[in-house]
C-alpha atoms as a PDB file:
ATOM      1  CA  MET A   1      56.142 109.394  80.596  1.00  0.00           C
ATOM      2  CA  GLN A   2      54.654 108.571  77.222  1.00  0.00           C
ATOM      3  CA  LEU A   3      51.707 109.600  75.100  1.00  0.00           C
ATOM      4  CA  ALA A   4      48.960 107.017  74.547  1.00  0.00           C
ATOM      5  CA  ASN A   5      45.478 106.670  73.050  1.00  0.00           C
ATOM      6  CA  VAL A   6      42.642 105.348  75.190  1.00  0.00           C
ATOM      7  CA  LEU A   7      41.165 102.339  73.392  1.00  0.00           C
ATOM      8  CA  GLY A   8      38.604 101.164  75.949  1.00  0.00           C
ATOM      9  CA  THR A   9      37.747 100.296  79.535  1.00  0.00           C
ATOM     10  CA  VAL A  10      38.097  97.122  81.559  1.00  0.00           C
ATOM     11  CA  THR A  11      35.594  95.583  83.965  1.00  0.00           C
ATOM     12  CA  ALA A  12      36.986  93.048  86.389  1.00  0.00           C
ATOM     13  CA  THR A  13      34.759  91.703  89.156  1.00  0.00           C
ATOM     14  CA  VAL A  14      37.642  89.718  90.648  1.00  0.00           C
ATOM     15  CA  LYS A  15      40.952  91.586  90.918  1.00  0.00           C
ATOM     16  CA  HIS A  16      43.870  92.333  93.210  1.00  0.00           C
ATOM     17  CA  SER A  17      42.718  94.077  96.373  1.00  0.00           C
ATOM     18  CA  SER A  18      44.864  97.162  95.541  1.00  0.00           C
ATOM     19  CA  LEU A  19      42.693  97.784  92.458  1.00  0.00           C
ATOM     20  CA  ALA A  20      39.389  97.979  94.330  1.00  0.00           C
ATOM     21  CA  GLY A  21      37.553 101.071  93.142  1.00  0.00           C
ATOM     22  CA  ALA A  22      40.114 101.915  90.457  1.00  0.00           C
ATOM     23  CA  LYS A  23      38.964 102.668  86.883  1.00  0.00           C
ATOM     24  CA  LEU A  24      40.951 100.555  84.441  1.00  0.00           C
ATOM     25  CA  LEU A  25      41.636 101.674  80.890  1.00  0.00           C
ATOM     26  CA  VAL A  26      43.133  99.955  77.824  1.00  0.00           C
ATOM     27  CA  VAL A  27      45.683 102.363  76.406  1.00  0.00           C
ATOM     28  CA  GLN A  28      47.912 102.147  73.333  1.00  0.00           C
ATOM     29  CA  PRO A  29      51.345 103.724  73.927  1.00  0.00           C
ATOM     30  CA  LEU A  30      52.482 105.788  70.945  1.00  0.00           C
ATOM     31  CA  MET A  31      55.800 106.429  69.230  1.00  0.00           C
ATOM     32  CA  ALA A  32      57.068 110.040  69.147  1.00  0.00           C
ATOM     33  CA  ASP A  33      55.266 110.717  65.851  1.00  0.00           C
ATOM     34  CA  ARG A  34      51.915 109.985  67.646  1.00  0.00           C
ATOM     35  CA  THR A  35      50.690 107.859  64.690  1.00  0.00           C
ATOM     36  CA  LYS A  36      52.440 104.527  65.290  1.00  0.00           C
ATOM     37  CA  ALA A  37      51.852 102.125  68.153  1.00  0.00           C
ATOM     38  CA  ASP A  38      54.747 101.569  70.536  1.00  0.00           C
ATOM     39  CA  GLY A  39      54.274  97.948  71.532  1.00  0.00           C
ATOM     40  CA  ASP A  40      51.118  96.220  72.708  1.00  0.00           C
ATOM     41  CA  PRO A  41      48.152  97.918  74.352  1.00  0.00           C
ATOM     42  CA  GLN A  42      48.487  98.130  78.148  1.00  0.00           C
ATOM     43  CA  LEU A  43      46.164  98.431  81.146  1.00  0.00           C
ATOM     44  CA  ALA A  44      46.421 101.702  83.067  1.00  0.00           C
ATOM     45  CA  ILE A  45      44.793 103.137  86.189  1.00  0.00           C
ATOM     46  CA  ASP A  46      42.783 106.259  85.292  1.00  0.00           C
ATOM     47  CA  THR A  47      43.403 109.229  87.547  1.00  0.00           C
ATOM     48  CA  VAL A  48      42.048 111.997  85.296  1.00  0.00           C
ATOM     49  CA  ALA A  49      38.599 110.802  84.092  1.00  0.00           C
ATOM     50  CA  ALA A  50      39.859 109.939  80.601  1.00  0.00           C
ATOM     51  CA  GLY A  51      37.562 108.407  78.027  1.00  0.00           C
ATOM     52  CA  VAL A  52      37.776 106.319  74.860  1.00  0.00           C
ATOM     53  CA  GLY A  53      39.495 108.257  72.086  1.00  0.00           C
ATOM     54  CA  ASP A  54      41.370 110.633  74.424  1.00  0.00           C
ATOM     55  CA  LEU A  55      45.052 111.348  74.000  1.00  0.00           C
ATOM     56  CA  VAL A  56      46.653 110.901  77.410  1.00  0.00           C
ATOM     57  CA  MET A  57      50.013 110.874  79.154  1.00  0.00           C
ATOM     58  CA  ILE A  58      50.885 107.669  80.954  1.00  0.00           C
ATOM     59  CA  THR A  59      53.653 106.865  83.419  1.00  0.00           C
ATOM     60  CA  SER A  60      55.083 103.691  84.859  1.00  0.00           C
ATOM     61  CA  ASP A  61      56.167 105.427  88.092  1.00  0.00           C
ATOM     62  CA  GLY A  62      55.556 102.689  90.661  1.00  0.00           C
ATOM     63  CA  ARG A  63      55.761 104.994  93.674  1.00  0.00           C
ATOM     64  CA  LEU A  64      53.106 107.321  92.268  1.00  0.00           C
ATOM     65  CA  LEU A  65      50.847 104.371  91.560  1.00  0.00           C
ATOM     66  CA  ARG A  66      51.287 102.945  95.070  1.00  0.00           C
ATOM     67  CA  ASP A  67      50.430 106.385  96.493  1.00  0.00           C
ATOM     68  CA  ILE A  68      47.344 106.724  94.283  1.00  0.00           C
ATOM     69  CA  LEU A  69      46.105 103.238  95.174  1.00  0.00           C
ATOM     70  CA  LYS A  70      47.132 103.611  98.839  1.00  0.00           C
ATOM     71  CA  SER A  71      48.853 100.226  98.663  1.00  0.00           C
ATOM     72  CA  ASP A  72      52.437  99.109  99.384  1.00  0.00           C
ATOM     73  CA  ALA A  73      52.124  96.384  96.729  1.00  0.00           C
ATOM     74  CA  THR A  74      50.160  96.405  93.491  1.00  0.00           C
ATOM     75  CA  PRO A  75      50.454  94.506  90.199  1.00  0.00           C
ATOM     76  CA  ALA A  76      49.529  97.670  88.281  1.00  0.00           C
ATOM     77  CA  ARG A  77      52.281  99.229  86.168  1.00  0.00           C
ATOM     78  CA  TYR A  78      50.807 102.242  84.327  1.00  0.00           C
ATOM     79  CA  SER A  79      48.698 105.166  85.371  1.00  0.00           C
ATOM     80  CA  VAL A  80      47.100 107.924  83.307  1.00  0.00           C
ATOM     81  CA  VAL A  81      48.363 111.253  84.654  1.00  0.00           C
ATOM     82  CA  ALA A  82      47.161 113.830  82.112  1.00  0.00           C
ATOM     83  CA  LEU A  83      44.638 114.531  79.373  1.00  0.00           C
ATOM     84  CA  VAL A  84      46.616 115.997  76.481  1.00  0.00           C
ATOM     85  CA  ASP A  85      45.078 119.019  74.721  1.00  0.00           C
ATOM     86  CA  ASP A  86      47.840 119.757  72.210  1.00  0.00           C
ATOM     87  CA  VAL A  87      51.332 118.659  71.252  1.00  0.00           C
ATOM     88  CA  THR A  88      53.871 120.865  69.469  1.00  0.00           C
ATOM     89  CA  VAL A  89      57.160 119.357  68.331  1.00  0.00           C
ATOM     90  CA  PHE A  90      59.919 121.673  67.117  1.00  0.00           C
ATOM     91  CA  SER A  91      62.083 120.221  64.351  1.00  0.00           C
ATOM     92  CA  SER A  92      65.885 120.544  64.531  1.00  0.00           C
ATOM     93  CA  ARG A  93      65.735 121.887  61.001  1.00  0.00           C
ATOM     94  CA  LYS A  94      65.030 125.568  60.237  1.00  0.00           C
ATOM     95  CA  GLN A  95      61.277 125.025  59.923  1.00  0.00           C
ATOM     96  CA  GLY A  96      58.309 126.067  61.927  1.00  0.00           C
ATOM     97  CA  PRO A  97      56.646 123.880  64.552  1.00  0.00           C
ATOM     98  CA  THR A  98      54.811 120.741  63.509  1.00  0.00           C
ATOM     99  CA  ARG A  99      51.604 119.520  65.087  1.00  0.00           C
END
């Protein structure tokens, strides 16, 4: 699982049959510091009603995605599985938590 920012939505009138009815989002995976991009933006299936600007948790769990889409085969790789409210990272140094 990885944190990502939602950049936008995708409309596709012609798509793989497993994606019928699925909401597609453009998400930018993030590095652990949550400020730097981790690679290129990706398409993800929205399962939590996320919107542009939301911080979300994505996963590339293929079995979960096949269950969500009720399909044995799908070209989709990522799904949005959580809307993130807050992140607290504790440093290994003797400091307080950082946000």
